[in-house]
Amino acid sequence: MFVGSEDAKVIIEGIAITGITDISFNSNIQESSVVLLAERGINRKVNNGHTVECKISKPYLGQDRLQEFTGINNLSGQFIYGTNALDFNQGIISSYSISADTQSSPKISVSMKIFGDFKPATTIQAGASDYGFQNLGPESTFINVENRTSILTNFSYKVDFKVKPTYEISSIKSTTSKILSPIEYSASANMLMDEQEFVDITGLMESEDFDRNVTFNIQDENSIPLNTYNIPNASIKSQSASVAAGDLVKMSVTYKGLEINV
């Protein structure tokens, strides 16, 4: 019997994640070998702990569990396909991104590294329900820069975590893993230039204080906030503005942020 995508799902921390469109797993084992004298054989040994790379893609359907799981260094769960499943533990999200434009709903991409077990399951989990679907209004995404708010025509947001596993001798599974500082944020956005204004780049270059308070917000059709994406200690990387005859002034900005992991 063939197993199709409709028979597959992912459970993380007991939650059955809804709306997943793509998921992939990739594992590499590093091995060394030594040929013994007199051709008595070959000595082979795994010389580094294994890591399973997992990539997940899904549309943004409302409040996002995957964002809530960022920064946690011991995620566990199950990948279910048909009547079979794989258990995993000691997972940690190494990259999270979301992008949106006026032509389609926002899309989420996540990379997760698994340093612990990744093996066939003896029982299949049911999984608790994820957040329900939310309808997004036509003006659902905003950028807030130092209390000035503008409606976006498109935006992208990404956060990268430097993940460090620790292995013991004679073990291929990590005993611990942690997120190292700094956590790196990046974002770009295009917007109508209503409340935004140009930043004094020269002044920034002459000052040691580059910090800006920048957030992206998504709300439902009733203007109720669903998710907020912060760029801590944000500095502006680039900015530009353009206008055509009979059109509104448009502005493009990119930001970079750094954060100490506490």
C-alpha atoms as a PDB file:
ATOM      1  CA  MET A   1       0.000   0.000   0.000  1.00  0.00           C
ATOM      2  CA  PHE A   2       1.298   3.440  -0.939  1.00  0.00           C
ATOM      3  CA  VAL A   3       1.165   6.207   1.633  1.00  0.00           C
ATOM      4  CA  GLY A   4       0.206   9.644   0.334  1.00  0.00           C
ATOM      5  CA  SER A   5       0.631  13.055   1.881  1.00  0.00           C
ATOM      6  CA  GLU A   6      -2.948  12.913   3.174  1.00  0.00           C
ATOM      7  CA  ASP A   7      -1.837  10.049   5.462  1.00  0.00           C
ATOM      8  CA  ALA A   8       1.125  11.950   6.926  1.00  0.00           C
ATOM      9  CA  LYS A   9       1.345  14.419   9.810  1.00  0.00           C
ATOM     10  CA  VAL A  10       3.825  15.828  12.281  1.00  0.00           C
ATOM     11  CA  ILE A  11       3.426  16.050  16.053  1.00  0.00           C
ATOM     12  CA  ILE A  12       5.710  18.369  18.020  1.00  0.00           C
ATOM     13  CA  GLU A  13       5.474  18.613  21.809  1.00  0.00           C
ATOM     14  CA  GLY A  14       2.183  16.741  21.697  1.00  0.00           C
ATOM     15  CA  ILE A  15       0.584  19.124  19.153  1.00  0.00           C
ATOM     16  CA  ALA A  16      -0.480  17.891  15.699  1.00  0.00           C
ATOM     17  CA  ILE A  17       0.753  20.738  13.489  1.00  0.00           C
ATOM     18  CA  THR A  18      -1.890  21.765  10.951  1.00  0.00           C
ATOM     19  CA  GLY A  19      -1.445  22.911   7.372  1.00  0.00           C
ATOM     20  CA  ILE A  20       1.968  21.405   6.611  1.00  0.00           C
ATOM     21  CA  THR A  21       2.552  21.313   2.854  1.00  0.00           C
ATOM     22  CA  ASP A  22       6.124  19.965   2.739  1.00  0.00           C
ATOM     23  CA  ILE A  23       8.391  18.091   5.124  1.00  0.00           C
ATOM     24  CA  SER A  24      11.749  16.413   4.560  1.00  0.00           C
ATOM     25  CA  PHE A  25      14.350  14.607   6.662  1.00  0.00           C
ATOM     26  CA  ASN A  26      18.031  14.200   5.875  1.00  0.00           C
ATOM     27  CA  SER A  27      20.676  12.411   7.935  1.00  0.00           C
ATOM     28  CA  ASN A  28      24.440  12.097   7.459  1.00  0.00           C
ATOM     29  CA  ILE A  29      26.720   9.747   9.401  1.00  0.00           C
ATOM     30  CA  GLN A  30      30.422  10.623   9.604  1.00  0.00           C
ATOM     31  CA  GLU A  31      32.529   7.484   9.672  1.00  0.00           C
ATOM     32  CA  SER A  32      36.276   6.754   9.662  1.00  0.00           C
ATOM     33  CA  SER A  33      37.981   3.535   8.585  1.00  0.00           C
ATOM     34  CA  VAL A  34      41.406   1.982   9.068  1.00  0.00           C
ATOM     35  CA  VAL A  35      42.815  -0.945   7.059  1.00  0.00           C
ATOM     36  CA  LEU A  36      44.619  -3.358   9.400  1.00  0.00           C
ATOM     37  CA  LEU A  37      48.078  -4.757   8.651  1.00  0.00           C
ATOM     38  CA  ALA A  38      48.356  -8.026   6.737  1.00  0.00           C
ATOM     39  CA  GLU A  39      44.921  -7.314   5.314  1.00  0.00           C
ATOM     40  CA  ARG A  40      43.282  -8.692   8.432  1.00  0.00           C
ATOM     41  CA  GLY A  41      40.261  -6.489   8.000  1.00  0.00           C
ATOM     42  CA  ILE A  42      38.927  -2.972   8.197  1.00  0.00           C
ATOM     43  CA  ASN A  43      38.218  -1.164  11.426  1.00  0.00           C
ATOM     44  CA  ARG A  44      35.273   1.214  11.022  1.00  0.00           C
ATOM     45  CA  LYS A  45      34.011   3.722  13.559  1.00  0.00           C
ATOM     46  CA  VAL A  46      31.452   6.488  13.637  1.00  0.00           C
ATOM     47  CA  ASN A  47      33.588   9.487  14.562  1.00  0.00           C
ATOM     48  CA  ASN A  48      30.928  12.112  15.126  1.00  0.00           C
ATOM     49  CA  GLY A  49      27.411  12.254  16.459  1.00  0.00           C
ATOM     50  CA  HIS A  50      24.621  12.065  13.908  1.00  0.00           C
ATOM     51  CA  THR A  51      22.316  14.958  13.089  1.00  0.00           C
ATOM     52  CA  VAL A  52      18.970  14.733  11.341  1.00  0.00           C
ATOM     53  CA  GLU A  53      17.984  17.836   9.393  1.00  0.00           C
ATOM     54  CA  CYS A  54      14.240  18.435   9.164  1.00  0.00           C
ATOM     55  CA  LYS A  55      12.628  21.097   6.960  1.00  0.00           C
ATOM     56  CA  ILE A  56       8.967  22.075   7.297  1.00  0.00           C
ATOM     57  CA  SER A  57       6.880  24.406   5.122  1.00  0.00           C
ATOM     58  CA  LYS A  58       3.305  25.532   5.674  1.00  0.00           C
ATOM     59  CA  PRO A  59       1.004  28.475   4.970  1.00  0.00           C
ATOM     60  CA  TYR A  60       0.260  30.881   7.771  1.00  0.00           C
ATOM     61  CA  LEU A  61      -3.235  29.926   8.958  1.00  0.00           C
ATOM     62  CA  GLY A  62      -3.444  31.895  12.184  1.00  0.00           C
ATOM     63  CA  GLN A  63      -1.546  31.766  15.479  1.00  0.00           C
ATOM     64  CA  ASP A  64       1.649  29.866  14.794  1.00  0.00           C
ATOM     65  CA  ARG A  65       2.870  27.021  17.024  1.00  0.00           C
ATOM     66  CA  LEU A  66       6.198  26.772  15.217  1.00  0.00           C
ATOM     67  CA  GLN A  67       7.089  30.302  16.251  1.00  0.00           C
ATOM     68  CA  GLU A  68       6.295  29.363  19.851  1.00  0.00           C
ATOM     69  CA  PHE A  69       8.693  26.400  19.628  1.00  0.00           C
ATOM     70  CA  THR A  70      11.691  28.557  18.667  1.00  0.00           C
ATOM     71  CA  GLY A  71      14.290  28.874  21.411  1.00  0.00           C
ATOM     72  CA  ILE A  72      13.429  25.485  22.973  1.00  0.00           C
ATOM     73  CA  ASN A  73      16.352  23.060  22.906  1.00  0.00           C
ATOM     74  CA  ASN A  74      14.699  19.703  23.637  1.00  0.00           C
ATOM     75  CA  LEU A  75      11.756  19.334  21.280  1.00  0.00           C
ATOM     76  CA  SER A  76      10.293  15.871  20.858  1.00  0.00           C
ATOM     77  CA  GLY A  77       7.602  14.501  18.620  1.00  0.00           C
ATOM     78  CA  GLN A  78       6.585  12.066  15.941  1.00  0.00           C
ATOM     79  CA  PHE A  79       6.374  11.895  12.171  1.00  0.00           C
ATOM     80  CA  ILE A  80       3.384   9.755  11.174  1.00  0.00           C
ATOM     81  CA  TYR A  81       2.940   8.226   7.726  1.00  0.00           C
ATOM     82  CA  GLY A  82      -0.018   5.892   7.291  1.00  0.00           C
ATOM     83  CA  THR A  83       0.069   3.237  10.009  1.00  0.00           C
ATOM     84  CA  ASN A  84       3.750   3.837  10.768  1.00  0.00           C
ATOM     85  CA  ALA A  85       5.600   6.535  12.664  1.00  0.00           C
ATOM     86  CA  LEU A  86       9.061   7.765  13.630  1.00  0.00           C
ATOM     87  CA  ASP A  87       9.828   9.113  17.109  1.00  0.00           C
ATOM     88  CA  PHE A  88      12.362  11.910  17.589  1.00  0.00           C
ATOM     89  CA  ASN A  89      13.714  13.890  20.519  1.00  0.00           C
ATOM     90  CA  GLN A  90      16.329  16.541  21.315  1.00  0.00           C
ATOM     91  CA  GLY A  91      15.161  18.623  18.394  1.00  0.00           C
ATOM     92  CA  ILE A  92      15.826  22.334  18.139  1.00  0.00           C
ATOM     93  CA  ILE A  93      14.714  24.890  15.557  1.00  0.00           C
ATOM     94  CA  SER A  94      17.762  26.406  13.887  1.00  0.00           C
ATOM     95  CA  SER A  95      15.933  28.713  11.465  1.00  0.00           C
ATOM     96  CA  TYR A  96      12.450  30.220  11.268  1.00  0.00           C
ATOM     97  CA  SER A  97      11.113  32.458   8.512  1.00  0.00           C
ATOM     98  CA  ILE A  98       7.831  33.932   7.308  1.00  0.00           C
ATOM     99  CA  SER A  99       7.067  35.885   4.151  1.00  0.00           C
ATOM    100  CA  ALA A 100       3.934  37.505   2.741  1.00  0.00           C
ATOM    101  CA  ASP A 101       2.780  39.621  -0.183  1.00  0.00           C
ATOM    102  CA  THR A 102      -0.464  40.997  -1.566  1.00  0.00           C
ATOM    103  CA  GLN A 103      -0.973  38.085  -3.961  1.00  0.00           C
ATOM    104  CA  SER A 104      -0.941  35.180  -1.508  1.00  0.00           C
ATOM    105  CA  SER A 105      -1.232  34.213   2.134  1.00  0.00           C
ATOM    106  CA  PRO A 106       1.901  34.287   4.322  1.00  0.00           C
ATOM    107  CA  LYS A 107       4.181  31.248   4.157  1.00  0.00           C
ATOM    108  CA  ILE A 108       6.287  29.758   6.946  1.00  0.00           C
ATOM    109  CA  SER A 109       9.526  27.763   6.629  1.00  0.00           C
ATOM    110  CA  VAL A 110      11.341  26.052   9.493  1.00  0.00           C
ATOM    111  CA  SER A 111      14.601  24.139   9.771  1.00  0.00           C
ATOM    112  CA  MET A 112      14.993  21.834  12.761  1.00  0.00           C
ATOM    113  CA  LYS A 113      18.022  19.813  13.852  1.00  0.00           C
ATOM    114  CA  ILE A 114      17.476  16.534  15.693  1.00  0.00           C
ATOM    115  CA  PHE A 115      20.411  15.392  17.845  1.00  0.00           C
ATOM    116  CA  GLY A 116      18.720  12.574  19.746  1.00  0.00           C
ATOM    117  CA  ASP A 117      16.701   9.531  18.694  1.00  0.00           C
ATOM    118  CA  PHE A 118      15.110   9.222  15.284  1.00  0.00           C
ATOM    119  CA  LYS A 119      13.694   5.723  15.179  1.00  0.00           C
ATOM    120  CA  PRO A 120      10.528   3.699  14.443  1.00  0.00           C
ATOM    121  CA  ALA A 121       7.782   4.252  16.996  1.00  0.00           C
ATOM    122  CA  THR A 122       6.116   1.467  18.949  1.00  0.00           C
ATOM    123  CA  THR A 123       2.867   3.438  19.381  1.00  0.00           C
ATOM    124  CA  ILE A 124       1.320   6.226  17.332  1.00  0.00           C
ATOM    125  CA  GLN A 125       0.410   9.455  19.120  1.00  0.00           C
ATOM    126  CA  ALA A 126      -2.974  11.077  18.617  1.00  0.00           C
ATOM    127  CA  GLY A 127      -1.722  14.615  19.150  1.00  0.00           C
ATOM    128  CA  ALA A 128      -3.692  17.528  20.569  1.00  0.00           C
ATOM    129  CA  SER A 129      -5.351  19.994  18.204  1.00  0.00           C
ATOM    130  CA  ASP A 130      -3.396  22.949  16.885  1.00  0.00           C
ATOM    131  CA  TYR A 131      -4.784  26.488  16.791  1.00  0.00           C
ATOM    132  CA  GLY A 132      -7.843  26.862  14.559  1.00  0.00           C
ATOM    133  CA  PHE A 133      -7.854  28.604  11.183  1.00  0.00           C
ATOM    134  CA  GLN A 134      -8.114  32.387  11.192  1.00  0.00           C
ATOM    135  CA  ASN A 135      -9.317  34.607   8.372  1.00  0.00           C
ATOM    136  CA  LEU A 136      -6.885  37.393   7.575  1.00  0.00           C
ATOM    137  CA  GLY A 137      -8.241  40.772   6.610  1.00  0.00           C
ATOM    138  CA  PRO A 138      -7.140  42.674   3.491  1.00  0.00           C
ATOM    139  CA  GLU A 139      -5.001  44.880   5.742  1.00  0.00           C
ATOM    140  CA  SER A 140      -3.645  42.222   8.058  1.00  0.00           C
ATOM    141  CA  THR A 141       0.113  42.869   8.149  1.00  0.00           C
ATOM    142  CA  PHE A 142       1.746  45.971   9.603  1.00  0.00           C
ATOM    143  CA  ILE A 143       5.216  47.200  10.421  1.00  0.00           C
ATOM    144  CA  ASN A 144       5.799  49.272  13.521  1.00  0.00           C
ATOM    145  CA  VAL A 145       8.999  51.323  13.699  1.00  0.00           C
ATOM    146  CA  GLU A 146       9.368  53.412  16.832  1.00  0.00           C
ATOM    147  CA  ASN A 147       5.575  53.711  17.204  1.00  0.00           C
ATOM    148  CA  ARG A 148       5.021  54.662  13.540  1.00  0.00           C
ATOM    149  CA  THR A 149       2.796  52.146  11.751  1.00  0.00           C
ATOM    150  CA  SER A 150       2.425  51.449   8.030  1.00  0.00           C
ATOM    151  CA  ILE A 151       0.536  48.864   6.000  1.00  0.00           C
ATOM    152  CA  LEU A 152       2.835  46.483   4.116  1.00  0.00           C
ATOM    153  CA  THR A 153       2.643  45.365   0.507  1.00  0.00           C
ATOM    154  CA  ASN A 154       5.107  42.546   1.233  1.00  0.00           C
ATOM    155  CA  PHE A 155       7.533  41.523   3.938  1.00  0.00           C
ATOM    156  CA  SER A 156       9.916  38.761   4.939  1.00  0.00           C
ATOM    157  CA  TYR A 157      11.269  37.917   8.371  1.00  0.00           C
ATOM    158  CA  LYS A 158      13.891  35.390   9.430  1.00  0.00           C
ATOM    159  CA  VAL A 159      15.637  34.393  12.641  1.00  0.00           C
ATOM    160  CA  ASP A 160      18.679  32.099  12.774  1.00  0.00           C
ATOM    161  CA  PHE A 161      19.862  30.250  15.880  1.00  0.00           C
ATOM    162  CA  LYS A 162      23.425  29.021  16.340  1.00  0.00           C
ATOM    163  CA  VAL A 163      22.956  25.526  17.727  1.00  0.00           C
ATOM    164  CA  LYS A 164      25.782  23.705  19.534  1.00  0.00           C
ATOM    165  CA  PRO A 165      25.401  20.002  20.486  1.00  0.00           C
ATOM    166  CA  THR A 166      27.600  18.194  23.019  1.00  0.00           C
ATOM    167  CA  TYR A 167      28.602  14.543  22.553  1.00  0.00           C
ATOM    168  CA  GLU A 168      30.181  12.057  24.922  1.00  0.00           C
ATOM    169  CA  ILE A 169      32.825   9.527  23.893  1.00  0.00           C
ATOM    170  CA  SER A 170      31.333   6.369  22.352  1.00  0.00           C
ATOM    171  CA  SER A 171      27.946   8.024  21.839  1.00  0.00           C
ATOM    172  CA  ILE A 172      26.329   9.109  18.574  1.00  0.00           C
ATOM    173  CA  LYS A 173      23.537  10.980  20.354  1.00  0.00           C
ATOM    174  CA  SER A 174      23.946  14.431  21.835  1.00  0.00           C
ATOM    175  CA  THR A 175      23.746  14.643  25.617  1.00  0.00           C
ATOM    176  CA  THR A 176      22.899  18.341  25.588  1.00  0.00           C
ATOM    177  CA  SER A 177      22.432  21.157  23.095  1.00  0.00           C
ATOM    178  CA  LYS A 178      22.199  24.902  23.499  1.00  0.00           C
ATOM    179  CA  ILE A 179      21.653  28.056  21.495  1.00  0.00           C
ATOM    180  CA  LEU A 180      24.698  30.289  21.334  1.00  0.00           C
ATOM    181  CA  SER A 181      24.682  34.067  21.157  1.00  0.00           C
ATOM    182  CA  PRO A 182      24.009  36.100  19.188  1.00  0.00           C
ATOM    183  CA  ILE A 183      20.628  35.145  17.743  1.00  0.00           C
ATOM    184  CA  GLU A 184      20.477  36.784  14.309  1.00  0.00           C
ATOM    185  CA  TYR A 185      17.370  38.462  12.871  1.00  0.00           C
ATOM    186  CA  SER A 186      16.804  39.839   9.383  1.00  0.00           C
ATOM    187  CA  ALA A 187      13.778  41.418   7.746  1.00  0.00           C
ATOM    188  CA  SER A 188      12.762  43.373   4.674  1.00  0.00           C
ATOM    189  CA  ALA A 189       9.549  45.151   3.773  1.00  0.00           C
ATOM    190  CA  ASN A 190       7.873  47.239   1.092  1.00  0.00           C
ATOM    191  CA  MET A 191       5.209  49.687   2.222  1.00  0.00           C
ATOM    192  CA  LEU A 192       3.248  52.765   1.289  1.00  0.00           C
ATOM    193  CA  MET A 193       5.079  55.777   2.649  1.00  0.00           C
ATOM    194  CA  ASP A 194       2.409  57.254   4.890  1.00  0.00           C
ATOM    195  CA  GLU A 195       3.741  57.356   8.457  1.00  0.00           C
ATOM    196  CA  GLN A 196       7.281  56.146   7.800  1.00  0.00           C
ATOM    197  CA  GLU A 197      10.153  58.505   7.189  1.00  0.00           C
ATOM    198  CA  PHE A 198      13.777  58.229   6.147  1.00  0.00           C
ATOM    199  CA  VAL A 199      16.311  57.393   8.819  1.00  0.00           C
ATOM    200  CA  ASP A 200      19.410  59.542   9.050  1.00  0.00           C
ATOM    201  CA  ILE A 201      21.955  56.979   7.822  1.00  0.00           C
ATOM    202  CA  THR A 202      24.814  59.405   8.326  1.00  0.00           C
ATOM    203  CA  GLY A 203      23.741  59.981  11.903  1.00  0.00           C
ATOM    204  CA  LEU A 204      23.593  56.226  12.471  1.00  0.00           C
ATOM    205  CA  MET A 205      27.105  55.773  11.144  1.00  0.00           C
ATOM    206  CA  GLU A 206      28.394  58.442  13.494  1.00  0.00           C
ATOM    207  CA  SER A 207      26.642  56.977  16.539  1.00  0.00           C
ATOM    208  CA  GLU A 208      27.308  53.835  18.527  1.00  0.00           C
ATOM    209  CA  ASP A 209      23.576  53.520  19.200  1.00  0.00           C
ATOM    210  CA  PHE A 210      22.066  51.722  16.194  1.00  0.00           C
ATOM    211  CA  ASP A 211      19.146  50.194  18.060  1.00  0.00           C
ATOM    212  CA  ARG A 212      15.618  50.529  16.719  1.00  0.00           C
ATOM    213  CA  ASN A 213      12.357  49.050  17.959  1.00  0.00           C
ATOM    214  CA  VAL A 214      10.930  47.190  14.911  1.00  0.00           C
ATOM    215  CA  THR A 215       8.031  44.724  14.900  1.00  0.00           C
ATOM    216  CA  PHE A 216       5.878  43.030  12.276  1.00  0.00           C
ATOM    217  CA  ASN A 217       2.272  42.309  13.249  1.00  0.00           C
ATOM    218  CA  ILE A 218      -0.359  40.021  11.745  1.00  0.00           C
ATOM    219  CA  GLN A 219      -4.003  40.401  12.752  1.00  0.00           C
ATOM    220  CA  ASP A 220      -7.252  38.704  11.789  1.00  0.00           C
ATOM    221  CA  GLU A 221     -10.227  40.199   9.976  1.00  0.00           C
ATOM    222  CA  ASN A 222     -11.504  41.612  13.284  1.00  0.00           C
ATOM    223  CA  SER A 223      -8.188  43.420  13.936  1.00  0.00           C
ATOM    224  CA  ILE A 224      -7.297  41.003  16.734  1.00  0.00           C
ATOM    225  CA  PRO A 225      -3.491  40.442  16.911  1.00  0.00           C
ATOM    226  CA  LEU A 226      -2.389  36.916  16.036  1.00  0.00           C
ATOM    227  CA  ASN A 227       1.410  37.002  15.911  1.00  0.00           C
ATOM    228  CA  THR A 228       4.125  39.574  16.478  1.00  0.00           C
ATOM    229  CA  TYR A 229       7.616  39.249  15.019  1.00  0.00           C
ATOM    230  CA  ASN A 230      10.222  41.345  16.791  1.00  0.00           C
ATOM    231  CA  ILE A 231      13.628  42.464  15.567  1.00  0.00           C
ATOM    232  CA  PRO A 232      15.524  43.237  18.773  1.00  0.00           C
ATOM    233  CA  ASN A 233      18.323  45.810  18.671  1.00  0.00           C
ATOM    234  CA  ALA A 234      17.485  46.454  15.028  1.00  0.00           C
ATOM    235  CA  SER A 235      19.727  48.484  12.756  1.00  0.00           C
ATOM    236  CA  ILE A 236      18.707  49.565   9.274  1.00  0.00           C
ATOM    237  CA  LYS A 237      20.740  48.027   6.426  1.00  0.00           C
ATOM    238  CA  SER A 238      19.163  49.829   3.491  1.00  0.00           C
ATOM    239  CA  GLN A 239      16.264  52.074   2.542  1.00  0.00           C
ATOM    240  CA  SER A 240      14.868  53.403  -0.712  1.00  0.00           C
ATOM    241  CA  ALA A 241      11.815  55.255  -2.004  1.00  0.00           C
ATOM    242  CA  SER A 242      10.171  55.464  -5.405  1.00  0.00           C
ATOM    243  CA  VAL A 243       7.153  57.119  -7.011  1.00  0.00           C
ATOM    244  CA  ALA A 244       5.543  57.061 -10.447  1.00  0.00           C
ATOM    245  CA  ALA A 245       3.162  59.574 -11.966  1.00  0.00           C
ATOM    246  CA  GLY A 246      -0.295  59.208 -10.436  1.00  0.00           C
ATOM    247  CA  ASP A 247       0.947  56.696  -7.873  1.00  0.00           C
ATOM    248  CA  LEU A 248       1.732  56.741  -4.160  1.00  0.00           C
ATOM    249  CA  VAL A 249       5.211  56.993  -2.721  1.00  0.00           C
ATOM    250  CA  LYS A 250       6.582  53.544  -1.927  1.00  0.00           C
ATOM    251  CA  MET A 251       9.347  52.718   0.504  1.00  0.00           C
ATOM    252  CA  SER A 252      11.596  49.669   0.888  1.00  0.00           C
ATOM    253  CA  VAL A 253      13.619  48.891   4.010  1.00  0.00           C
ATOM    254  CA  THR A 254      15.801  46.076   5.308  1.00  0.00           C
ATOM    255  CA  TYR A 255      16.790  45.504   8.930  1.00  0.00           C
ATOM    256  CA  LYS A 256      19.216  43.365  10.881  1.00  0.00           C
ATOM    257  CA  GLY A 257      18.935  42.532  14.569  1.00  0.00           C
ATOM    258  CA  LEU A 258      21.074  40.749  17.153  1.00  0.00           C
ATOM    259  CA  GLU A 259      20.101  39.348  20.532  1.00  0.00           C
ATOM    260  CA  ILE A 260      21.943  37.752  23.442  1.00  0.00           C
ATOM    261  CA  ASN A 261      20.448  34.381  24.352  1.00  0.00           C
ATOM    262  CA  VAL A 262      19.696  34.344  28.053  1.00  0.00           C
END
